[in-house]
Amino acid sequence: MKIHQNPRHWAAKKALTTPGIASVANYGLVKLHTRIFLGKAEEAHREERREHLDDFFDATMGTYVAALQAGYSEAQAREITHIQANFDFFNHGWTEMMEIPGDELEAHYRRYDEFFTEHGITIDDPLGDFRLSSGIAEAPSTPEKLETPEYENAIAGFSDDVYTETEDGEIVVGGTAEPKEVDPTKAPGVPSGDADGEANA
């Protein structure tokens, strides 16, 4: 999958793994992801999906931290959560929100098969063990979009590895090295951070 990686992502990693600010960072990142992906949806469907996406992304923050603890890189851990989201979007027929085409879902799953299997994650059950105890809000599906999918926001051809685009526009396989100095307050939602700033998920 092709994702971005910049100082805000490293700040988010630091914030999510720092006691005292992790919950604040979690909230800010959930709202950021919901806003980004609702922006890809048709306006008529945005509000009916908001609560579901808030719950879903809240659950994937747990996935992200668990993947880091399992030894995956920041880019890999974040890609894992994006793959989960694409499974969910596919299951709902929300093809316009997908970052990868449907025929690449299986290839992405296989790359993280060990992690997904350990945590009960499948294409049909994108959250597995990370499902919130309070449940995930329901949202209407659009299965008709799967009949002739267009995947208008998906980028194909990056299913063999995680590809990160840096701030300079360079594509790096596997991601960049973590900076020596990371300021967690630069993470969205963290006090003194850029809560309203534009960022890539």
N, C-alpha and C. Protein backbone atom coordinates (compact mmCIF):
# COMPACT_ATOMS: atom_id res chain seq x y z
N MET A 1 0.84 -1.18 0.00
CA MET A 1 0.00 0.00 0.00
C MET A 1 0.88 1.24 0.00
N LYS A 2 0.40 2.28 -0.61
CA LYS A 2 1.14 3.54 -0.65
C LYS A 2 0.54 4.48 0.39
N ILE A 3 1.35 4.85 1.38
CA ILE A 3 0.92 5.75 2.42
C ILE A 3 1.93 6.89 2.54
N HIS A 4 1.58 7.89 3.33
CA HIS A 4 2.50 9.00 3.57
C HIS A 4 3.21 8.78 4.90
N GLN A 5 4.35 9.42 5.04
CA GLN A 5 5.05 9.40 6.32
C GLN A 5 5.80 10.71 6.48
N ASN A 6 5.45 11.44 7.53
CA ASN A 6 6.07 12.73 7.80
C ASN A 6 6.19 12.91 9.31
N PRO A 7 6.75 14.02 9.78
CA PRO A 7 6.94 14.20 11.22
C PRO A 7 5.67 14.04 12.06
N ARG A 8 4.50 14.37 11.49
CA ARG A 8 3.27 14.22 12.26
C ARG A 8 2.98 12.76 12.59
N HIS A 9 3.37 11.86 11.68
CA HIS A 9 3.14 10.44 11.94
C HIS A 9 4.04 9.94 13.08
N TRP A 10 5.27 10.41 13.09
CA TRP A 10 6.17 10.02 14.19
C TRP A 10 5.69 10.63 15.50
N ALA A 11 5.16 11.84 15.44
CA ALA A 11 4.62 12.47 16.64
C ALA A 11 3.41 11.69 17.15
N ALA A 12 2.59 11.21 16.24
CA ALA A 12 1.42 10.42 16.62
C ALA A 12 1.84 9.12 17.28
N LYS A 13 2.85 8.47 16.73
CA LYS A 13 3.36 7.24 17.34
C LYS A 13 3.83 7.50 18.77
N LYS A 14 4.60 8.56 18.93
CA LYS A 14 5.12 8.90 20.25
C LYS A 14 3.99 9.20 21.22
N ALA A 15 3.00 9.95 20.75
CA ALA A 15 1.89 10.33 21.62
C ALA A 15 1.05 9.13 22.03
N LEU A 16 0.78 8.23 21.07
CA LEU A 16 -0.05 7.07 21.37
C LEU A 16 0.62 6.08 22.32
N THR A 17 1.93 6.18 22.44
CA THR A 17 2.66 5.25 23.30
C THR A 17 3.24 5.94 24.54
N THR A 18 2.74 7.14 24.83
CA THR A 18 3.20 7.90 25.99
C THR A 18 2.07 8.03 27.00
N PRO A 19 2.22 7.44 28.18
CA PRO A 19 1.17 7.55 29.22
C PRO A 19 0.89 9.02 29.53
N GLY A 20 -0.38 9.32 29.74
CA GLY A 20 -0.75 10.69 30.09
C GLY A 20 -1.30 11.47 28.93
N ILE A 21 -0.82 11.19 27.73
CA ILE A 21 -1.35 11.89 26.56
C ILE A 21 -1.90 10.92 25.51
N ALA A 22 -1.75 9.62 25.76
CA ALA A 22 -2.20 8.63 24.77
C ALA A 22 -3.69 8.75 24.47
N SER A 23 -4.51 8.95 25.50
CA SER A 23 -5.96 9.01 25.28
C SER A 23 -6.35 10.25 24.50
N VAL A 24 -5.64 11.36 24.76
CA VAL A 24 -5.91 12.59 24.03
C VAL A 24 -5.52 12.44 22.56
N ALA A 25 -4.35 11.83 22.34
CA ALA A 25 -3.89 11.59 20.98
C ALA A 25 -4.84 10.64 20.25
N ASN A 26 -5.29 9.61 20.95
CA ASN A 26 -6.22 8.65 20.38
C ASN A 26 -7.46 9.36 19.86
N TYR A 27 -8.03 10.21 20.69
CA TYR A 27 -9.25 10.95 20.30
C TYR A 27 -8.98 11.82 19.08
N GLY A 28 -7.90 12.56 19.11
CA GLY A 28 -7.59 13.45 18.00
C GLY A 28 -7.35 12.70 16.70
N LEU A 29 -6.67 11.57 16.78
CA LEU A 29 -6.38 10.78 15.58
C LEU A 29 -7.64 10.12 15.03
N VAL A 30 -8.52 9.69 15.92
CA VAL A 30 -9.80 9.11 15.47
C VAL A 30 -10.58 10.15 14.67
N LYS A 31 -10.71 11.34 15.22
CA LYS A 31 -11.47 12.39 14.54
C LYS A 31 -10.82 12.79 13.22
N LEU A 32 -9.49 12.80 13.20
CA LEU A 32 -8.77 13.13 11.96
C LEU A 32 -9.06 12.10 10.88
N HIS A 33 -8.96 10.82 11.24
CA HIS A 33 -9.20 9.76 10.26
C HIS A 33 -10.65 9.77 9.76
N THR A 34 -11.57 9.97 10.67
CA THR A 34 -12.98 10.04 10.27
C THR A 34 -13.19 11.17 9.28
N ARG A 35 -12.62 12.33 9.57
CA ARG A 35 -12.78 13.48 8.68
C ARG A 35 -12.18 13.22 7.30
N ILE A 36 -11.01 12.61 7.29
CA ILE A 36 -10.35 12.35 6.01
C ILE A 36 -11.18 11.40 5.14
N PHE A 37 -11.63 10.30 5.75
CA PHE A 37 -12.33 9.30 4.95
C PHE A 37 -13.76 9.71 4.62
N LEU A 38 -14.41 10.48 5.48
CA LEU A 38 -15.73 10.98 5.12
C LEU A 38 -15.61 11.95 3.94
N GLY A 39 -14.46 12.59 3.83
CA GLY A 39 -14.25 13.48 2.70
C GLY A 39 -14.21 12.76 1.37
N LYS A 40 -13.97 11.45 1.39
CA LYS A 40 -13.96 10.66 0.17
C LYS A 40 -15.36 10.13 -0.17
N ALA A 41 -16.25 10.15 0.81
CA ALA A 41 -17.60 9.61 0.62
C ALA A 41 -18.51 10.64 -0.03
N GLU A 42 -19.57 10.16 -0.64
CA GLU A 42 -20.57 11.06 -1.19
C GLU A 42 -21.22 11.81 -0.03
N GLU A 43 -21.49 13.08 -0.24
CA GLU A 43 -22.00 13.93 0.83
C GLU A 43 -23.27 13.35 1.47
N ALA A 44 -24.10 12.73 0.69
CA ALA A 44 -25.37 12.20 1.20
C ALA A 44 -25.16 11.07 2.21
N HIS A 45 -23.99 10.43 2.19
CA HIS A 45 -23.73 9.29 3.07
C HIS A 45 -22.82 9.62 4.24
N ARG A 46 -22.33 10.83 4.31
CA ARG A 46 -21.30 11.14 5.30
C ARG A 46 -21.79 11.03 6.74
N GLU A 47 -22.85 11.69 7.08
CA GLU A 47 -23.28 11.70 8.47
C GLU A 47 -23.72 10.33 8.96
N GLU A 48 -24.31 9.54 8.09
CA GLU A 48 -24.76 8.21 8.51
C GLU A 48 -23.60 7.26 8.76
N ARG A 49 -22.41 7.60 8.30
CA ARG A 49 -21.23 6.77 8.50
C ARG A 49 -20.32 7.27 9.62
N ARG A 50 -20.55 8.47 10.10
CA ARG A 50 -19.62 9.12 11.03
C ARG A 50 -19.41 8.32 12.31
N GLU A 51 -20.50 7.92 12.96
CA GLU A 51 -20.37 7.22 14.23
C GLU A 51 -19.68 5.87 14.06
N HIS A 52 -19.99 5.18 12.97
CA HIS A 52 -19.34 3.90 12.69
C HIS A 52 -17.84 4.10 12.53
N LEU A 53 -17.46 5.11 11.76
CA LEU A 53 -16.03 5.35 11.53
C LEU A 53 -15.32 5.76 12.80
N ASP A 54 -15.96 6.58 13.62
CA ASP A 54 -15.35 6.95 14.90
C ASP A 54 -15.05 5.71 15.73
N ASP A 55 -16.02 4.81 15.83
CA ASP A 55 -15.82 3.58 16.60
C ASP A 55 -14.75 2.70 15.97
N PHE A 56 -14.82 2.56 14.65
CA PHE A 56 -13.89 1.68 13.96
C PHE A 56 -12.45 2.16 14.12
N PHE A 57 -12.23 3.46 13.89
CA PHE A 57 -10.87 3.98 14.00
C PHE A 57 -10.39 3.98 15.44
N ASP A 58 -11.30 4.14 16.39
CA ASP A 58 -10.92 4.02 17.79
C ASP A 58 -10.35 2.63 18.06
N ALA A 59 -11.00 1.61 17.50
CA ALA A 59 -10.52 0.24 17.67
C ALA A 59 -9.16 0.02 17.01
N THR A 60 -8.96 0.63 15.85
CA THR A 60 -7.69 0.40 15.14
C THR A 60 -6.50 1.07 15.81
N MET A 61 -6.75 2.04 16.68
CA MET A 61 -5.64 2.61 17.44
C MET A 61 -5.02 1.54 18.33
N GLY A 62 -5.87 0.65 18.84
CA GLY A 62 -5.35 -0.49 19.61
C GLY A 62 -4.55 -1.43 18.75
N THR A 63 -5.01 -1.62 17.52
CA THR A 63 -4.26 -2.45 16.57
C THR A 63 -2.88 -1.87 16.32
N TYR A 64 -2.84 -0.57 16.10
CA TYR A 64 -1.59 0.12 15.79
C TYR A 64 -0.56 -0.08 16.90
N VAL A 65 -0.97 0.15 18.14
CA VAL A 65 -0.05 0.01 19.26
C VAL A 65 0.39 -1.44 19.41
N ALA A 66 -0.54 -2.38 19.23
CA ALA A 66 -0.20 -3.81 19.34
C ALA A 66 0.80 -4.21 18.27
N ALA A 67 0.65 -3.67 17.06
CA ALA A 67 1.58 -3.99 15.98
C ALA A 67 2.97 -3.44 16.28
N LEU A 68 3.03 -2.24 16.84
CA LEU A 68 4.32 -1.67 17.24
C LEU A 68 4.98 -2.56 18.30
N GLN A 69 4.18 -2.99 19.27
CA GLN A 69 4.70 -3.83 20.34
C GLN A 69 5.17 -5.19 19.81
N ALA A 70 4.59 -5.61 18.69
CA ALA A 70 4.97 -6.89 18.08
C ALA A 70 6.22 -6.76 17.21
N GLY A 71 6.74 -5.54 17.09
CA GLY A 71 7.98 -5.34 16.34
C GLY A 71 7.84 -4.81 14.94
N TYR A 72 6.62 -4.46 14.53
CA TYR A 72 6.43 -3.89 13.20
C TYR A 72 6.87 -2.43 13.21
N SER A 73 7.32 -1.95 12.07
CA SER A 73 7.75 -0.56 11.96
C SER A 73 6.52 0.35 12.02
N GLU A 74 6.77 1.64 12.18
CA GLU A 74 5.66 2.60 12.22
C GLU A 74 4.84 2.51 10.94
N ALA A 75 5.50 2.46 9.80
CA ALA A 75 4.79 2.39 8.53
C ALA A 75 3.98 1.10 8.42
N GLN A 76 4.57 0.00 8.82
CA GLN A 76 3.86 -1.28 8.76
C GLN A 76 2.66 -1.31 9.70
N ALA A 77 2.85 -0.81 10.93
CA ALA A 77 1.75 -0.79 11.90
C ALA A 77 0.60 0.05 11.39
N ARG A 78 0.94 1.19 10.80
CA ARG A 78 -0.12 2.07 10.27
C ARG A 78 -0.77 1.45 9.05
N GLU A 79 0.03 0.78 8.22
CA GLU A 79 -0.55 0.12 7.05
C GLU A 79 -1.52 -0.97 7.48
N ILE A 80 -1.19 -1.70 8.53
CA ILE A 80 -2.08 -2.74 9.03
C ILE A 80 -3.45 -2.15 9.35
N THR A 81 -3.47 -0.98 10.00
CA THR A 81 -4.76 -0.38 10.34
C THR A 81 -5.49 0.10 9.10
N HIS A 82 -4.77 0.55 8.10
CA HIS A 82 -5.40 0.98 6.86
C HIS A 82 -5.98 -0.22 6.11
N ILE A 83 -5.30 -1.34 6.18
CA ILE A 83 -5.82 -2.55 5.56
C ILE A 83 -7.12 -2.96 6.25
N GLN A 84 -7.12 -2.90 7.58
CA GLN A 84 -8.36 -3.20 8.31
C GLN A 84 -9.50 -2.31 7.82
N ALA A 85 -9.22 -1.02 7.68
CA ALA A 85 -10.25 -0.09 7.23
C ALA A 85 -10.74 -0.44 5.83
N ASN A 86 -9.83 -0.83 4.96
CA ASN A 86 -10.25 -1.18 3.60
C ASN A 86 -11.08 -2.46 3.57
N PHE A 87 -10.79 -3.40 4.48
CA PHE A 87 -11.65 -4.57 4.61
C PHE A 87 -13.07 -4.12 4.97
N ASP A 88 -13.15 -3.22 5.93
CA ASP A 88 -14.45 -2.74 6.40
C ASP A 88 -15.19 -1.98 5.30
N PHE A 89 -14.48 -1.12 4.60
CA PHE A 89 -15.11 -0.36 3.52
C PHE A 89 -15.63 -1.31 2.44
N PHE A 90 -14.84 -2.32 2.10
CA PHE A 90 -15.24 -3.29 1.09
C PHE A 90 -16.50 -4.03 1.54
N ASN A 91 -16.51 -4.46 2.79
CA ASN A 91 -17.66 -5.19 3.31
C ASN A 91 -18.94 -4.36 3.26
N HIS A 92 -18.79 -3.06 3.38
CA HIS A 92 -19.95 -2.17 3.33
C HIS A 92 -20.26 -1.68 1.91
N GLY A 93 -19.41 -2.00 0.97
CA GLY A 93 -19.61 -1.49 -0.38
C GLY A 93 -19.26 -0.02 -0.51
N TRP A 94 -18.43 0.47 0.40
CA TRP A 94 -18.02 1.87 0.35
C TRP A 94 -16.78 2.00 -0.53
N THR A 95 -16.90 1.63 -1.78
CA THR A 95 -15.74 1.55 -2.67
C THR A 95 -15.07 2.89 -2.90
N GLU A 96 -15.82 3.97 -2.82
CA GLU A 96 -15.24 5.29 -3.07
C GLU A 96 -14.29 5.71 -1.95
N MET A 97 -14.36 5.04 -0.80
CA MET A 97 -13.48 5.36 0.33
C MET A 97 -12.25 4.47 0.37
N MET A 98 -12.20 3.46 -0.47
CA MET A 98 -11.10 2.50 -0.43
C MET A 98 -9.81 3.08 -1.00
N GLU A 99 -8.70 2.69 -0.38
CA GLU A 99 -7.37 3.13 -0.82
C GLU A 99 -6.72 2.13 -1.75
N ILE A 100 -7.21 0.91 -1.76
CA ILE A 100 -6.71 -0.15 -2.64
C ILE A 100 -7.91 -0.82 -3.31
N PRO A 101 -7.74 -1.32 -4.52
CA PRO A 101 -8.87 -2.00 -5.18
C PRO A 101 -9.18 -3.33 -4.52
N GLY A 102 -10.41 -3.78 -4.68
CA GLY A 102 -10.86 -4.99 -4.03
C GLY A 102 -10.06 -6.23 -4.36
N ASP A 103 -9.53 -6.30 -5.58
CA ASP A 103 -8.79 -7.51 -5.97
C ASP A 103 -7.39 -7.57 -5.37
N GLU A 104 -6.99 -6.56 -4.59
CA GLU A 104 -5.70 -6.60 -3.91
C GLU A 104 -5.85 -6.86 -2.40
N LEU A 105 -7.07 -6.99 -1.92
CA LEU A 105 -7.28 -7.19 -0.48
C LEU A 105 -6.61 -8.46 0.02
N GLU A 106 -6.74 -9.54 -0.72
CA GLU A 106 -6.17 -10.82 -0.31
C GLU A 106 -4.65 -10.74 -0.23
N ALA A 107 -4.03 -10.07 -1.19
CA ALA A 107 -2.57 -9.94 -1.19
C ALA A 107 -2.09 -9.16 0.03
N HIS A 108 -2.81 -8.10 0.37
CA HIS A 108 -2.45 -7.33 1.56
C HIS A 108 -2.65 -8.16 2.82
N TYR A 109 -3.70 -8.94 2.87
CA TYR A 109 -3.93 -9.79 4.04
C TYR A 109 -2.77 -10.78 4.22
N ARG A 110 -2.34 -11.39 3.13
CA ARG A 110 -1.29 -12.41 3.21
C ARG A 110 0.01 -11.85 3.75
N ARG A 111 0.31 -10.58 3.46
CA ARG A 111 1.57 -9.99 3.93
C ARG A 111 1.64 -9.89 5.44
N TYR A 112 0.47 -9.78 6.08
CA TYR A 112 0.43 -9.68 7.55
C TYR A 112 -0.36 -10.84 8.14
N ASP A 113 -0.32 -11.96 7.45
CA ASP A 113 -1.11 -13.13 7.86
C ASP A 113 -0.85 -13.53 9.30
N GLU A 114 0.42 -13.52 9.72
CA GLU A 114 0.76 -13.95 11.07
C GLU A 114 0.09 -13.06 12.12
N PHE A 115 0.18 -11.74 11.94
CA PHE A 115 -0.42 -10.81 12.89
C PHE A 115 -1.94 -10.92 12.85
N PHE A 116 -2.51 -10.93 11.66
CA PHE A 116 -3.95 -11.01 11.53
C PHE A 116 -4.50 -12.30 12.15
N THR A 117 -3.84 -13.41 11.89
CA THR A 117 -4.30 -14.69 12.43
C THR A 117 -4.23 -14.70 13.95
N GLU A 118 -3.15 -14.15 14.50
CA GLU A 118 -2.98 -14.11 15.95
C GLU A 118 -4.10 -13.34 16.62
N HIS A 119 -4.60 -12.31 15.93
CA HIS A 119 -5.61 -11.44 16.54
C HIS A 119 -7.01 -11.65 15.96
N GLY A 120 -7.22 -12.74 15.24
CA GLY A 120 -8.55 -13.06 14.75
C GLY A 120 -9.09 -12.13 13.68
N ILE A 121 -8.19 -11.45 12.97
CA ILE A 121 -8.61 -10.51 11.93
C ILE A 121 -8.73 -11.22 10.60
N THR A 122 -9.85 -11.03 9.94
CA THR A 122 -10.07 -11.55 8.59
C THR A 122 -10.69 -10.45 7.74
N ILE A 123 -10.82 -10.70 6.46
CA ILE A 123 -11.47 -9.71 5.60
C ILE A 123 -12.92 -9.51 6.06
N ASP A 124 -13.57 -10.59 6.44
CA ASP A 124 -14.96 -10.51 6.89
C ASP A 124 -15.09 -9.94 8.30
N ASP A 125 -14.05 -10.05 9.10
CA ASP A 125 -14.05 -9.54 10.47
C ASP A 125 -12.81 -8.67 10.65
N PRO A 126 -12.84 -7.44 10.14
CA PRO A 126 -11.65 -6.60 10.09
C PRO A 126 -11.03 -6.24 11.43
N LEU A 127 -11.82 -6.25 12.50
CA LEU A 127 -11.28 -5.85 13.80
C LEU A 127 -10.81 -7.02 14.64
N GLY A 128 -11.41 -8.18 14.47
CA GLY A 128 -11.00 -9.34 15.24
C GLY A 128 -11.02 -9.05 16.74
N ASP A 129 -9.92 -9.32 17.41
CA ASP A 129 -9.83 -9.13 18.86
C ASP A 129 -9.84 -7.66 19.27
N PHE A 130 -9.70 -6.74 18.32
CA PHE A 130 -9.63 -5.33 18.67
C PHE A 130 -11.00 -4.65 18.65
N ARG A 131 -12.05 -5.42 18.39
CA ARG A 131 -13.39 -4.85 18.43
C ARG A 131 -13.67 -4.27 19.81
N LEU A 132 -14.24 -3.07 19.85
CA LEU A 132 -14.52 -2.41 21.12
C LEU A 132 -15.54 -3.21 21.92
N SER A 133 -15.35 -3.26 23.24
CA SER A 133 -16.29 -3.97 24.10
C SER A 133 -17.68 -3.35 24.04
N SER A 134 -17.73 -2.06 23.73
CA SER A 134 -19.00 -1.35 23.62
C SER A 134 -19.66 -1.55 22.26
N GLY A 135 -18.94 -2.23 21.35
CA GLY A 135 -19.47 -2.48 20.02
C GLY A 135 -19.12 -1.38 19.03
N ILE A 136 -19.48 -1.62 17.79
CA ILE A 136 -19.23 -0.67 16.71
C ILE A 136 -20.58 -0.23 16.14
N ALA A 137 -20.79 1.06 16.06
CA ALA A 137 -22.05 1.57 15.54
C ALA A 137 -22.30 1.07 14.12
N GLU A 138 -23.53 0.73 13.83
CA GLU A 138 -23.89 0.27 12.50
C GLU A 138 -24.01 1.45 11.55
N ALA A 139 -23.85 1.17 10.26
CA ALA A 139 -24.03 2.18 9.22
C ALA A 139 -24.53 1.50 7.96
N PRO A 140 -25.36 2.17 7.18
CA PRO A 140 -25.90 1.56 5.97
C PRO A 140 -24.82 1.20 4.96
N SER A 141 -25.00 0.07 4.30
CA SER A 141 -24.08 -0.37 3.26
C SER A 141 -24.58 0.10 1.89
N THR A 142 -23.67 0.07 0.92
CA THR A 142 -24.04 0.36 -0.47
C THR A 142 -23.52 -0.79 -1.34
N PRO A 143 -24.10 -1.99 -1.17
CA PRO A 143 -23.60 -3.18 -1.87
C PRO A 143 -23.66 -3.09 -3.38
N GLU A 144 -24.54 -2.23 -3.89
CA GLU A 144 -24.65 -2.08 -5.34
C GLU A 144 -23.36 -1.57 -5.96
N LYS A 145 -22.53 -0.88 -5.17
CA LYS A 145 -21.27 -0.36 -5.71
C LYS A 145 -20.26 -1.46 -5.97
N LEU A 146 -20.46 -2.62 -5.37
CA LEU A 146 -19.56 -3.74 -5.61
C LEU A 146 -19.85 -4.44 -6.92
N GLU A 147 -21.01 -4.18 -7.50
CA GLU A 147 -21.38 -4.81 -8.76
C GLU A 147 -20.53 -4.28 -9.90
N THR A 148 -20.30 -2.99 -9.91
CA THR A 148 -19.42 -2.36 -10.92
C THR A 148 -18.51 -1.36 -10.21
N PRO A 149 -17.58 -1.88 -9.38
CA PRO A 149 -16.74 -0.98 -8.56
C PRO A 149 -15.81 -0.12 -9.40
N GLU A 150 -15.63 1.12 -8.94
CA GLU A 150 -14.72 2.04 -9.62
C GLU A 150 -13.48 2.34 -8.79
N TYR A 151 -13.59 2.24 -7.47
CA TYR A 151 -12.45 2.50 -6.58
C TYR A 151 -11.75 3.80 -6.96
N GLU A 152 -12.52 4.86 -7.02
CA GLU A 152 -11.98 6.11 -7.55
C GLU A 152 -10.87 6.74 -6.72
N ASN A 153 -10.74 6.36 -5.45
CA ASN A 153 -9.66 6.90 -4.61
C ASN A 153 -8.59 5.86 -4.29
N ALA A 154 -8.67 4.70 -4.94
CA ALA A 154 -7.71 3.62 -4.68
C ALA A 154 -6.48 3.76 -5.58
N ILE A 155 -5.35 3.33 -5.04
CA ILE A 155 -4.11 3.32 -5.81
C ILE A 155 -3.66 1.87 -5.92
N ALA A 156 -3.67 1.33 -7.11
CA ALA A 156 -3.32 -0.07 -7.33
C ALA A 156 -1.81 -0.25 -7.53
N GLY A 157 -1.37 -1.50 -7.41
CA GLY A 157 0.01 -1.84 -7.75
C GLY A 157 1.01 -1.75 -6.62
N PHE A 158 0.55 -1.61 -5.38
CA PHE A 158 1.46 -1.51 -4.24
C PHE A 158 1.15 -2.58 -3.20
N SER A 159 0.81 -3.77 -3.66
CA SER A 159 0.37 -4.82 -2.73
C SER A 159 1.50 -5.70 -2.21
N ASP A 160 2.72 -5.51 -2.72
CA ASP A 160 3.82 -6.40 -2.33
C ASP A 160 4.61 -5.89 -1.14
N ASP A 161 4.39 -4.62 -0.73
CA ASP A 161 5.15 -4.06 0.39
C ASP A 161 4.47 -2.77 0.80
N VAL A 162 4.99 -2.16 1.88
CA VAL A 162 4.48 -0.85 2.27
C VAL A 162 5.38 0.21 1.65
N TYR A 163 4.77 1.13 0.93
CA TYR A 163 5.49 2.20 0.26
C TYR A 163 5.10 3.52 0.92
N THR A 164 6.10 4.27 1.38
CA THR A 164 5.80 5.53 2.03
C THR A 164 6.31 6.69 1.20
N GLU A 165 5.45 7.69 1.08
CA GLU A 165 5.83 8.91 0.38
C GLU A 165 6.22 9.94 1.42
N THR A 166 7.44 10.45 1.32
CA THR A 166 7.95 11.42 2.29
C THR A 166 7.43 12.82 1.97
N GLU A 167 7.74 13.76 2.84
CA GLU A 167 7.33 15.15 2.61
C GLU A 167 7.92 15.70 1.32
N ASP A 168 9.06 15.16 0.90
CA ASP A 168 9.71 15.62 -0.32
C ASP A 168 9.17 14.92 -1.56
N GLY A 169 8.21 14.01 -1.38
CA GLY A 169 7.63 13.31 -2.51
C GLY A 169 8.39 12.06 -2.91
N GLU A 170 9.41 11.70 -2.14
CA GLU A 170 10.18 10.49 -2.43
C GLU A 170 9.41 9.26 -1.95
N ILE A 171 9.43 8.19 -2.74
CA ILE A 171 8.78 6.94 -2.37
C ILE A 171 9.83 6.01 -1.77
N VAL A 172 9.61 5.60 -0.52
CA VAL A 172 10.56 4.75 0.20
C VAL A 172 9.88 3.44 0.55
N VAL A 173 10.51 2.34 0.16
CA VAL A 173 9.95 1.02 0.49
C VAL A 173 10.24 0.72 1.96
N GLY A 174 9.21 0.42 2.72
CA GLY A 174 9.39 0.06 4.12
C GLY A 174 9.31 1.21 5.10
N GLY A 175 9.40 2.42 4.62
CA GLY A 175 9.30 3.57 5.51
C GLY A 175 10.63 4.20 5.83
N THR A 176 10.58 5.36 6.45
CA THR A 176 11.79 6.10 6.80
C THR A 176 12.23 5.76 8.23
N ALA A 177 13.42 6.19 8.58
CA ALA A 177 13.94 5.95 9.93
C ALA A 177 13.32 6.94 10.90
N GLU A 178 13.08 6.48 12.12
CA GLU A 178 12.48 7.35 13.12
C GLU A 178 13.47 8.45 13.51
N PRO A 179 13.02 9.70 13.55
CA PRO A 179 13.91 10.80 13.95
C PRO A 179 14.37 10.63 15.40
N LYS A 180 15.53 11.17 15.72
CA LYS A 180 16.06 11.06 17.08
C LYS A 180 15.22 11.88 18.05
N GLU A 181 14.74 13.02 17.60
CA GLU A 181 13.93 13.89 18.44
C GLU A 181 12.51 13.93 17.89
N VAL A 182 11.55 13.50 18.69
CA VAL A 182 10.15 13.50 18.26
C VAL A 182 9.33 14.22 19.31
N ASP A 183 8.58 15.21 18.89
CA ASP A 183 7.75 16.00 19.80
C ASP A 183 6.31 15.50 19.72
N PRO A 184 5.82 14.80 20.75
CA PRO A 184 4.48 14.24 20.70
C PRO A 184 3.39 15.30 20.65
N THR A 185 3.71 16.54 21.02
CA THR A 185 2.68 17.59 20.97
C THR A 185 2.38 18.03 19.54
N LYS A 186 3.13 17.52 18.58
CA LYS A 186 2.85 17.81 17.18
C LYS A 186 1.80 16.86 16.60
N ALA A 187 1.37 15.88 17.41
CA ALA A 187 0.33 14.95 16.96
C ALA A 187 -1.02 15.64 16.98
N PRO A 188 -1.89 15.34 16.03
CA PRO A 188 -3.22 15.95 16.00
C PRO A 188 -3.97 15.73 17.31
N GLY A 189 -4.52 16.80 17.86
CA GLY A 189 -5.34 16.70 19.06
C GLY A 189 -4.60 16.84 20.36
N VAL A 190 -3.29 16.74 20.35
CA VAL A 190 -2.50 16.85 21.58
C VAL A 190 -2.29 18.33 21.89
N PRO A 191 -2.46 18.75 23.17
CA PRO A 191 -2.25 20.15 23.52
C PRO A 191 -0.93 20.70 23.00
N SER A 192 -1.01 21.88 22.40
CA SER A 192 0.13 22.54 21.76
C SER A 192 0.41 21.95 20.39
N GLY A 193 -0.35 20.90 20.01
CA GLY A 193 -0.17 20.30 18.70
C GLY A 193 -1.07 20.96 17.68
N ASP A 194 -0.97 20.49 16.45
CA ASP A 194 -1.74 21.06 15.35
C ASP A 194 -3.03 20.26 15.19
N ALA A 195 -3.98 20.45 16.11
CA ALA A 195 -5.19 19.65 16.13
C ALA A 195 -6.02 19.83 14.87
N ASP A 196 -5.96 21.03 14.29
CA ASP A 196 -6.79 21.30 13.13
C ASP A 196 -5.98 21.30 11.83
N GLY A 197 -4.70 20.99 11.93
CA GLY A 197 -3.86 21.03 10.75
C GLY A 197 -4.16 19.89 9.79
N GLU A 198 -3.89 20.13 8.53
CA GLU A 198 -4.10 19.09 7.53
C GLU A 198 -3.00 18.04 7.66
N ALA A 199 -3.39 16.80 7.57
CA ALA A 199 -2.42 15.71 7.68
C ALA A 199 -2.93 14.55 6.87
N ASN A 200 -2.03 13.68 6.50
CA ASN A 200 -2.41 12.45 5.83
C ASN A 200 -2.51 11.35 6.87
N ALA A 201 -3.51 10.51 6.74
CA ALA A 201 -3.73 9.46 7.73
C ALA A 201 -2.61 8.44 7.72
